[in-house]
Protein backbone atom coordinates (compact mmCIF):
# COMPACT_ATOMS: atom_id res chain seq x y z
CA UNK A 1 0.26 -16.75 13.95
CA UNK A 2 2.36 -13.66 12.54
CA UNK A 3 3.60 -13.27 8.92
CA UNK A 4 5.61 -9.87 8.06
CA UNK A 5 7.08 -8.42 4.99
CA UNK A 6 9.61 -5.59 5.55
CA UNK A 7 9.49 -2.54 3.82
CA UNK A 8 12.65 -3.56 1.51
CA UNK A 9 10.56 -6.56 0.61
CA UNK A 10 7.59 -4.86 -0.56
CA UNK A 11 9.75 -1.86 -2.44
CA UNK A 12 11.56 -5.16 -4.29
CA UNK A 13 8.12 -6.16 -5.40
CA UNK A 14 6.44 -3.14 -6.49
CA UNK A 15 9.82 -2.97 -8.44
CA UNK A 16 9.54 -6.18 -10.05
CA UNK A 17 5.68 -6.15 -10.32
CA UNK A 18 4.97 -2.34 -11.66
CA UNK A 19 8.97 -1.62 -12.67
CA UNK A 20 8.62 1.18 -9.93
CA UNK A 21 10.57 2.69 -7.02
CA UNK A 22 8.42 3.53 -4.49
CA UNK A 23 9.61 3.89 -0.36
CA UNK A 24 7.58 2.99 2.58
CA UNK A 25 8.52 4.70 6.27
CA UNK A 26 6.80 3.87 9.21
CA UNK A 27 5.21 6.52 11.30
CA UNK A 28 3.22 5.13 14.05
CA UNK A 29 1.37 1.39 14.10
CA UNK A 30 -1.42 2.30 11.57
CA UNK A 31 0.17 5.21 9.35
CA UNK A 32 3.00 4.18 6.18
CA UNK A 33 4.93 7.12 4.79
CA UNK A 34 4.92 6.59 0.99
CA UNK A 35 7.32 8.49 -0.98
CA UNK A 36 7.66 7.94 -5.10
CA UNK A 37 10.30 9.59 -6.91
CA UNK A 38 9.06 11.34 -9.52
CA UNK A 39 11.52 11.86 -12.71
CA UNK A 40 10.45 13.67 -15.81
CA UNK A 41 13.28 14.52 -17.63
CA UNK A 42 13.78 18.21 -16.18
CA UNK A 43 11.34 17.24 -13.04
CA UNK A 44 12.29 15.67 -10.34
CA UNK A 45 10.54 15.58 -7.28
CA UNK A 46 9.37 13.52 -4.73
CA UNK A 47 5.23 12.80 -4.28
CA UNK A 48 4.73 12.11 -0.85
CA UNK A 49 2.01 11.07 1.59
CA UNK A 50 0.65 9.18 4.65
CA UNK A 51 -1.02 5.99 4.20
CA UNK A 52 -3.40 5.40 7.53
CA UNK A 53 -4.77 2.15 8.03
CA UNK A 54 -8.32 2.02 8.82
CA UNK A 55 -9.32 -1.28 8.40
CA UNK A 56 -9.05 -4.94 7.41
CA UNK A 57 -11.89 -6.51 5.50
CA UNK A 58 -11.08 -9.95 4.54
CA UNK A 59 -8.19 -9.17 2.06
CA UNK A 60 -9.17 -5.87 1.38
CA UNK A 61 -7.61 -3.05 3.19
CA UNK A 62 -9.25 0.45 3.37
CA UNK A 63 -6.71 3.26 3.83
CA UNK A 64 -6.93 6.42 3.90
CA UNK A 65 -4.11 9.02 2.02
CA UNK A 66 -3.13 12.20 3.57
CA UNK A 67 -0.37 14.87 1.71
CA UNK A 68 -2.19 18.15 3.22
CA UNK A 69 -3.78 20.86 1.23
CA UNK A 70 -2.92 18.56 -1.85
CA UNK A 71 -3.89 15.48 -1.37
CA UNK A 72 -6.39 15.53 -3.91
CA UNK A 73 -4.22 16.53 -6.58
CA UNK A 74 -1.82 14.30 -5.38
CA UNK A 75 -3.95 11.04 -5.52
CA UNK A 76 -4.97 12.40 -9.34
CA UNK A 77 -1.43 12.58 -10.08
CA UNK A 78 -0.47 9.41 -8.94
CA UNK A 79 -3.31 7.26 -10.28
CA UNK A 80 -2.21 8.58 -13.73
CA UNK A 81 1.19 8.48 -13.34
CA UNK A 82 0.29 4.52 -12.11
CA UNK A 83 -2.74 3.46 -14.21
CA UNK A 84 -1.02 1.17 -16.44
CA UNK A 85 1.64 -0.10 -13.92
CA UNK A 86 -0.56 -1.70 -11.37
CA UNK A 87 -3.14 -4.64 -11.87
CA UNK A 88 -6.14 -3.33 -13.01
CA UNK A 89 -8.75 -3.62 -9.64
CA UNK A 90 -6.31 -3.36 -7.04
CA UNK A 91 -7.10 -0.04 -5.87
CA UNK A 92 -10.99 1.20 -5.64
CA UNK A 93 -11.58 4.61 -5.01
CA UNK A 94 -13.57 6.10 -2.57
CA UNK A 95 -14.85 9.11 -0.96
CA UNK A 96 -12.80 11.52 1.35
CA UNK A 97 -9.26 10.39 0.02
CA UNK A 98 -9.65 6.84 1.22
CA UNK A 99 -8.71 3.75 -1.03
CA UNK A 100 -9.86 -0.09 -0.86
CA UNK A 101 -6.46 -1.85 -1.79
CA UNK A 102 -7.94 -5.53 -2.67
CA UNK A 103 -4.81 -7.46 -1.57
CA UNK A 104 -6.14 -10.62 -2.55
CA UNK A 105 -4.60 -9.59 -6.38
CA UNK A 106 -1.51 -9.75 -5.48
CA UNK A 107 0.31 -13.13 -5.93
CA UNK A 108 2.62 -12.85 -2.66
CA UNK A 109 -0.15 -11.42 -0.31
CA UNK A 110 -3.07 -13.90 -1.53
CA UNK A 111 -1.18 -16.95 -0.60
CA UNK A 112 -1.26 -15.25 2.75
CA UNK A 113 -4.77 -15.02 2.96
CA UNK A 114 -5.49 -18.36 1.67
CA UNK A 115 -3.61 -19.37 4.49
CA UNK A 116 -4.95 -17.79 7.43
CA UNK A 117 -8.27 -16.00 8.73
CA UNK A 118 -6.63 -12.42 9.38
CA UNK A 119 -7.50 -10.63 12.81
CA UNK A 120 -5.16 -8.07 12.51
CA UNK A 121 -3.18 -5.93 10.56
CA UNK A 122 -0.17 -3.81 11.78
CA UNK A 123 2.49 -1.35 10.71
CA UNK A 124 5.96 -2.09 12.61
CA UNK A 125 8.88 -0.18 12.49
CA UNK A 126 10.88 -2.00 9.16
CA UNK A 127 7.60 -3.39 7.67
CA UNK A 128 4.19 -4.67 7.85
CA UNK A 129 2.49 -7.48 10.13
CA UNK A 130 -0.53 -9.35 9.96
CA UNK A 131 -2.08 -11.69 12.64
CA UNK A 132 -4.54 -14.62 12.50
CA UNK A 133 -5.36 -18.43 12.50
CA UNK A 134 -4.49 -20.91 10.03
CA UNK A 135 -7.63 -21.91 8.16
CA UNK A 136 -8.90 -25.57 8.28
């Protein structure tokens, strides 16, 4: 069984739940390019990074963030801007620019993990896909 979500659907969920506009684009089957348009009045700048999918552990997704030389600064800036806008416990910072994303805390995604045992996670050209088997 395969389940997928398009990047526009994911963007809409983030807009609805966190009141944030974040754009996604596929780089390859394991990498997502993420852009966050920062608007601080007179300062308008796009913050961009690549999320490299390393591993899926149950409903937890291990990703590495890559944004060139300024990766650590970008991560700290993004976390401070989003800290009150994302559910507590959704992101767990790991060493070396890794994050564990607890997908089971997202209501729409949790229902997928409740119904299937996920065997694979892929980045598609227009979204994300999980493949697994139905739980009995």
